[in-house]
Amino acid sequence: MRDFFGILAAGPFFFVSAWILMLFAGLVSTDVGIRPFGYLTSMLVTIGLWLAVAPAVGAIARAGRKK
């Protein structure tokens, strides 16, 4: 049951992290040399980052558990 509530808690965090990424990209766009992007693009980037990082986080979490 704990995993279910963990997934529900990750939902709002996804939208907040996409919003923070959009703001951060807008702030550093001139320094880095990118164009600022909107919220939908930020959501796509966040999904990609989460899909890339999730297997590593799962592997670390499994390795940390002791049965």
N, C-alpha and C. Protein backbone atom coordinates (compact mmCIF):
# COMPACT_ATOMS: atom_id res chain seq x y z
N MET A 1 0.82 -1.19 0.00
CA MET A 1 0.00 0.00 0.00
C MET A 1 0.87 1.26 0.00
N ARG A 2 2.05 1.15 0.58
CA ARG A 2 2.95 2.31 0.66
C ARG A 2 3.40 2.75 -0.74
N ASP A 3 3.64 1.79 -1.64
CA ASP A 3 4.06 2.12 -3.00
C ASP A 3 2.96 2.88 -3.74
N PHE A 4 1.71 2.49 -3.50
CA PHE A 4 0.59 3.16 -4.15
C PHE A 4 0.54 4.64 -3.77
N PHE A 5 0.68 4.93 -2.48
CA PHE A 5 0.65 6.33 -2.04
C PHE A 5 1.90 7.08 -2.49
N GLY A 6 2.99 6.38 -2.67
CA GLY A 6 4.20 7.01 -3.21
C GLY A 6 4.01 7.47 -4.64
N ILE A 7 3.30 6.66 -5.43
CA ILE A 7 3.01 7.04 -6.81
C ILE A 7 2.05 8.23 -6.82
N LEU A 8 1.05 8.22 -5.95
CA LEU A 8 0.13 9.36 -5.89
C LEU A 8 0.84 10.64 -5.46
N ALA A 9 1.81 10.52 -4.59
CA ALA A 9 2.55 11.71 -4.15
C ALA A 9 3.47 12.22 -5.24
N ALA A 10 3.92 11.36 -6.13
CA ALA A 10 4.81 11.78 -7.21
C ALA A 10 4.09 12.59 -8.27
N GLY A 11 2.79 12.43 -8.39
CA GLY A 11 2.03 13.16 -9.41
C GLY A 11 2.16 14.67 -9.31
N PRO A 12 1.79 15.26 -8.18
CA PRO A 12 1.93 16.72 -8.05
C PRO A 12 3.39 17.16 -8.15
N PHE A 13 4.32 16.35 -7.68
CA PHE A 13 5.73 16.72 -7.77
C PHE A 13 6.20 16.80 -9.21
N PHE A 14 5.61 15.97 -10.08
CA PHE A 14 5.95 16.03 -11.50
C PHE A 14 5.61 17.40 -12.08
N PHE A 15 4.41 17.89 -11.80
CA PHE A 15 3.99 19.18 -12.36
C PHE A 15 4.80 20.33 -11.78
N VAL A 16 5.14 20.24 -10.51
CA VAL A 16 5.97 21.28 -9.89
C VAL A 16 7.38 21.25 -10.46
N SER A 17 7.94 20.07 -10.65
CA SER A 17 9.29 20.00 -11.19
C SER A 17 9.33 20.47 -12.65
N ALA A 18 8.28 20.23 -13.42
CA ALA A 18 8.23 20.74 -14.79
C ALA A 18 8.15 22.26 -14.79
N TRP A 19 7.40 22.82 -13.88
CA TRP A 19 7.28 24.28 -13.76
C TRP A 19 8.61 24.91 -13.35
N ILE A 20 9.29 24.28 -12.39
CA ILE A 20 10.60 24.79 -11.95
C ILE A 20 11.62 24.69 -13.09
N LEU A 21 11.58 23.62 -13.86
CA LEU A 21 12.48 23.48 -15.00
C LEU A 21 12.22 24.58 -16.02
N MET A 22 10.95 24.90 -16.27
CA MET A 22 10.61 25.97 -17.21
C MET A 22 11.15 27.31 -16.72
N LEU A 23 10.98 27.59 -15.44
CA LEU A 23 11.48 28.85 -14.89
C LEU A 23 13.01 28.91 -14.95
N PHE A 24 13.64 27.82 -14.58
CA PHE A 24 15.11 27.77 -14.58
C PHE A 24 15.66 27.93 -16.00
N ALA A 25 15.03 27.30 -16.98
CA ALA A 25 15.49 27.42 -18.37
C ALA A 25 15.31 28.85 -18.86
N GLY A 26 14.27 29.51 -18.43
CA GLY A 26 14.08 30.90 -18.81
C GLY A 26 15.11 31.82 -18.19
N LEU A 27 15.52 31.50 -16.97
CA LEU A 27 16.50 32.35 -16.28
C LEU A 27 17.90 32.22 -16.86
N VAL A 28 18.29 31.03 -17.23
CA VAL A 28 19.66 30.81 -17.70
C VAL A 28 19.76 30.72 -19.23
N SER A 29 18.68 31.01 -19.93
CA SER A 29 18.67 30.82 -21.39
C SER A 29 19.72 31.66 -22.10
N THR A 30 19.91 32.90 -21.70
CA THR A 30 20.91 33.73 -22.38
C THR A 30 22.33 33.29 -22.04
N ASP A 31 22.56 32.82 -20.83
CA ASP A 31 23.90 32.38 -20.43
C ASP A 31 24.28 31.06 -21.09
N VAL A 32 23.32 30.17 -21.25
CA VAL A 32 23.60 28.85 -21.81
C VAL A 32 23.50 28.85 -23.33
N GLY A 33 22.71 29.76 -23.89
CA GLY A 33 22.55 29.85 -25.33
C GLY A 33 21.39 29.05 -25.87
N ILE A 34 20.34 28.88 -25.06
CA ILE A 34 19.14 28.18 -25.52
C ILE A 34 17.99 29.17 -25.56
N ARG A 35 16.95 28.81 -26.30
CA ARG A 35 15.74 29.62 -26.28
C ARG A 35 14.88 29.17 -25.10
N PRO A 36 14.23 30.11 -24.42
CA PRO A 36 13.31 29.69 -23.35
C PRO A 36 12.18 28.84 -23.94
N PHE A 37 11.74 27.84 -23.21
CA PHE A 37 10.66 26.99 -23.72
C PHE A 37 9.48 27.03 -22.76
N GLY A 38 8.34 26.59 -23.27
CA GLY A 38 7.09 26.65 -22.53
C GLY A 38 6.89 25.46 -21.60
N TYR A 39 5.71 25.47 -21.01
CA TYR A 39 5.39 24.45 -20.00
C TYR A 39 5.26 23.06 -20.61
N LEU A 40 4.67 22.96 -21.79
CA LEU A 40 4.50 21.63 -22.40
C LEU A 40 5.84 21.00 -22.75
N THR A 41 6.75 21.80 -23.29
CA THR A 41 8.09 21.28 -23.57
C THR A 41 8.79 20.90 -22.29
N SER A 42 8.59 21.68 -21.26
CA SER A 42 9.18 21.37 -19.97
C SER A 42 8.63 20.06 -19.41
N MET A 43 7.35 19.80 -19.62
CA MET A 43 6.77 18.53 -19.18
C MET A 43 7.39 17.36 -19.94
N LEU A 44 7.62 17.52 -21.24
CA LEU A 44 8.24 16.44 -22.02
C LEU A 44 9.67 16.18 -21.56
N VAL A 45 10.41 17.23 -21.29
CA VAL A 45 11.78 17.06 -20.79
C VAL A 45 11.76 16.38 -19.43
N THR A 46 10.82 16.77 -18.58
CA THR A 46 10.72 16.17 -17.25
C THR A 46 10.37 14.69 -17.34
N ILE A 47 9.48 14.33 -18.24
CA ILE A 47 9.16 12.91 -18.43
C ILE A 47 10.40 12.14 -18.87
N GLY A 48 11.14 12.72 -19.81
CA GLY A 48 12.38 12.07 -20.27
C GLY A 48 13.39 11.90 -19.15
N LEU A 49 13.55 12.94 -18.35
CA LEU A 49 14.48 12.84 -17.22
C LEU A 49 14.03 11.80 -16.21
N TRP A 50 12.74 11.78 -15.92
CA TRP A 50 12.23 10.80 -14.95
C TRP A 50 12.39 9.38 -15.48
N LEU A 51 12.15 9.18 -16.77
CA LEU A 51 12.32 7.84 -17.34
C LEU A 51 13.77 7.40 -17.36
N ALA A 52 14.67 8.35 -17.51
CA ALA A 52 16.09 8.01 -17.51
C ALA A 52 16.61 7.75 -16.11
N VAL A 53 16.09 8.46 -15.12
CA VAL A 53 16.60 8.36 -13.75
C VAL A 53 15.88 7.27 -12.95
N ALA A 54 14.64 6.96 -13.30
CA ALA A 54 13.85 6.00 -12.51
C ALA A 54 14.49 4.63 -12.37
N PRO A 55 15.05 4.03 -13.43
CA PRO A 55 15.68 2.72 -13.23
C PRO A 55 16.86 2.76 -12.25
N ALA A 56 17.63 3.84 -12.31
CA ALA A 56 18.76 3.95 -11.38
C ALA A 56 18.28 4.10 -9.95
N VAL A 57 17.24 4.89 -9.76
CA VAL A 57 16.69 5.08 -8.41
C VAL A 57 16.11 3.76 -7.89
N GLY A 58 15.43 3.02 -8.76
CA GLY A 58 14.89 1.72 -8.36
C GLY A 58 15.97 0.73 -7.99
N ALA A 59 17.05 0.73 -8.75
CA ALA A 59 18.15 -0.19 -8.45
C ALA A 59 18.82 0.17 -7.13
N ILE A 60 19.00 1.45 -6.89
CA ILE A 60 19.60 1.89 -5.63
C ILE A 60 18.69 1.56 -4.45
N ALA A 61 17.39 1.76 -4.64
CA ALA A 61 16.44 1.47 -3.56
C ALA A 61 16.41 -0.02 -3.24
N ARG A 62 16.47 -0.86 -4.30
CA ARG A 62 16.47 -2.31 -4.07
C ARG A 62 17.75 -2.77 -3.40
N ALA A 63 18.86 -2.15 -3.75
CA ALA A 63 20.13 -2.55 -3.16
C ALA A 63 20.22 -2.13 -1.69
N GLY A 64 19.52 -1.06 -1.33
CA GLY A 64 19.55 -0.58 0.03
C GLY A 64 18.68 -1.39 0.99
N ARG A 65 17.69 -2.10 0.44
CA ARG A 65 16.81 -2.92 1.29
C ARG A 65 17.51 -4.20 1.72
N LYS A 66 17.30 -4.55 2.95
CA LYS A 66 17.83 -5.82 3.44
C LYS A 66 16.68 -6.67 3.90
N LYS A 67 16.61 -7.86 3.35
CA LYS A 67 15.50 -8.76 3.72
C LYS A 67 15.89 -9.69 4.80
